């Protein structure tokens, strides 16, 4: 008896396990840290985070933050305890 693959239209719409919400701002993003795609490394690898900032982030949030939040925090680590900048909060 031959088996068939379940590769129908439903398989095309399954969420990527790396698609997530940033725990800091709530924005949707794709974490590429473990990607095996040929797209290259995750964009977060372009940022420099100090060991102290990495520790503070790990203590405050579980999982990855979006690139926008990481860039904001890399530029000003004192904002770890602040709400993220959003268009509404920076107006």
Protein backbone atom coordinates (compact mmCIF):
# COMPACT_ATOMS: atom_id res chain seq x y z
CA UNK A 1 0.00 0.00 0.00
CA UNK A 2 1.44 3.33 -1.01
CA UNK A 3 1.43 6.24 1.38
CA UNK A 4 0.73 9.77 0.29
CA UNK A 5 2.19 12.98 1.56
CA UNK A 6 -0.02 15.64 3.11
CA UNK A 7 1.38 18.50 1.05
CA UNK A 8 -1.96 20.13 0.20
CA UNK A 9 -2.90 23.81 0.52
CA UNK A 10 -3.14 23.56 4.33
CA UNK A 11 0.57 22.75 4.52
CA UNK A 12 1.36 26.01 2.76
CA UNK A 13 -0.34 28.03 5.50
CA UNK A 14 1.19 26.41 8.56
CA UNK A 15 2.93 29.04 10.67
CA UNK A 16 6.70 29.04 10.66
CA UNK A 17 7.90 27.99 14.14
CA UNK A 18 10.35 30.91 14.05
CA UNK A 19 7.62 33.49 13.43
CA UNK A 20 6.97 35.13 16.73
CA UNK A 21 5.86 38.20 18.63
CA UNK A 22 8.42 40.40 20.31
CA UNK A 23 7.90 40.13 24.08
CA UNK A 24 8.90 43.79 24.44
CA UNK A 25 6.78 45.59 21.82
CA UNK A 26 4.36 42.88 20.71
CA UNK A 27 5.34 43.25 17.05
CA UNK A 28 5.50 40.26 14.75
CA UNK A 29 8.91 39.20 13.48
CA UNK A 30 10.83 36.22 12.16
CA UNK A 31 13.63 34.91 14.33
CA UNK A 32 16.29 33.62 11.97
CA UNK A 33 18.81 32.51 14.59
CA UNK A 34 18.24 28.84 13.81
CA UNK A 35 17.36 29.19 10.14
CA UNK A 36 18.71 26.58 7.83
CA UNK A 37 17.61 28.64 4.85
CA UNK A 38 20.18 30.09 2.53
CA UNK A 39 19.12 33.61 3.50
CA UNK A 40 22.15 33.97 5.73
CA UNK A 41 22.43 34.63 9.44
CA UNK A 42 19.71 36.28 11.48
CA UNK A 43 19.70 40.07 11.23
CA UNK A 44 20.27 40.31 14.99
CA UNK A 45 23.83 39.11 14.42
CA UNK A 46 24.57 42.53 12.88
CA UNK A 47 24.10 44.18 16.29
CA UNK A 48 26.62 44.34 19.10
CA UNK A 49 25.11 43.69 22.50
CA UNK A 50 27.30 43.91 25.58
CA UNK A 51 27.38 40.93 27.94
CA UNK A 52 25.64 43.11 30.55
CA UNK A 53 22.84 44.00 28.13
CA UNK A 54 22.41 40.37 27.09
CA UNK A 55 22.09 39.41 30.77
CA UNK A 56 19.54 42.17 31.42
CA UNK A 57 17.49 41.13 28.38
CA UNK A 58 17.51 37.47 29.43
CA UNK A 59 16.38 38.41 32.95
CA UNK A 60 13.54 40.60 31.71
CA UNK A 61 12.18 38.72 28.66
CA UNK A 62 11.95 35.12 27.51
CA UNK A 63 12.89 34.49 23.90
CA UNK A 64 14.08 36.75 21.12
CA UNK A 65 13.24 40.42 20.70
CA UNK A 66 12.58 41.95 17.30
CA UNK A 67 15.39 43.71 15.46
CA UNK A 68 13.86 47.14 16.07
CA UNK A 69 13.82 46.65 19.86
CA UNK A 70 17.29 45.13 19.86
CA UNK A 71 18.67 48.07 17.87
CA UNK A 72 16.98 50.54 20.23
CA UNK A 73 18.41 48.80 23.28
CA UNK A 74 21.87 48.41 21.75
CA UNK A 75 21.91 52.18 21.15
CA UNK A 76 20.67 52.97 24.67
CA UNK A 77 20.89 50.06 27.15
CA UNK A 78 19.27 52.19 29.87
CA UNK A 79 15.94 51.68 28.04
CA UNK A 80 15.74 48.02 29.10
CA UNK A 81 13.37 49.05 31.88
CA UNK A 82 11.37 51.42 29.62
CA UNK A 83 8.53 50.83 27.24
CA UNK A 84 9.59 50.55 23.59
CA UNK A 85 9.49 53.57 21.33
CA UNK A 86 6.42 53.44 19.13
CA UNK A 87 4.97 56.06 16.81
CA UNK A 88 2.36 56.84 19.47
CA UNK A 89 4.87 57.23 22.33
CA UNK A 90 7.37 59.30 20.38
CA UNK A 91 4.85 61.85 19.04
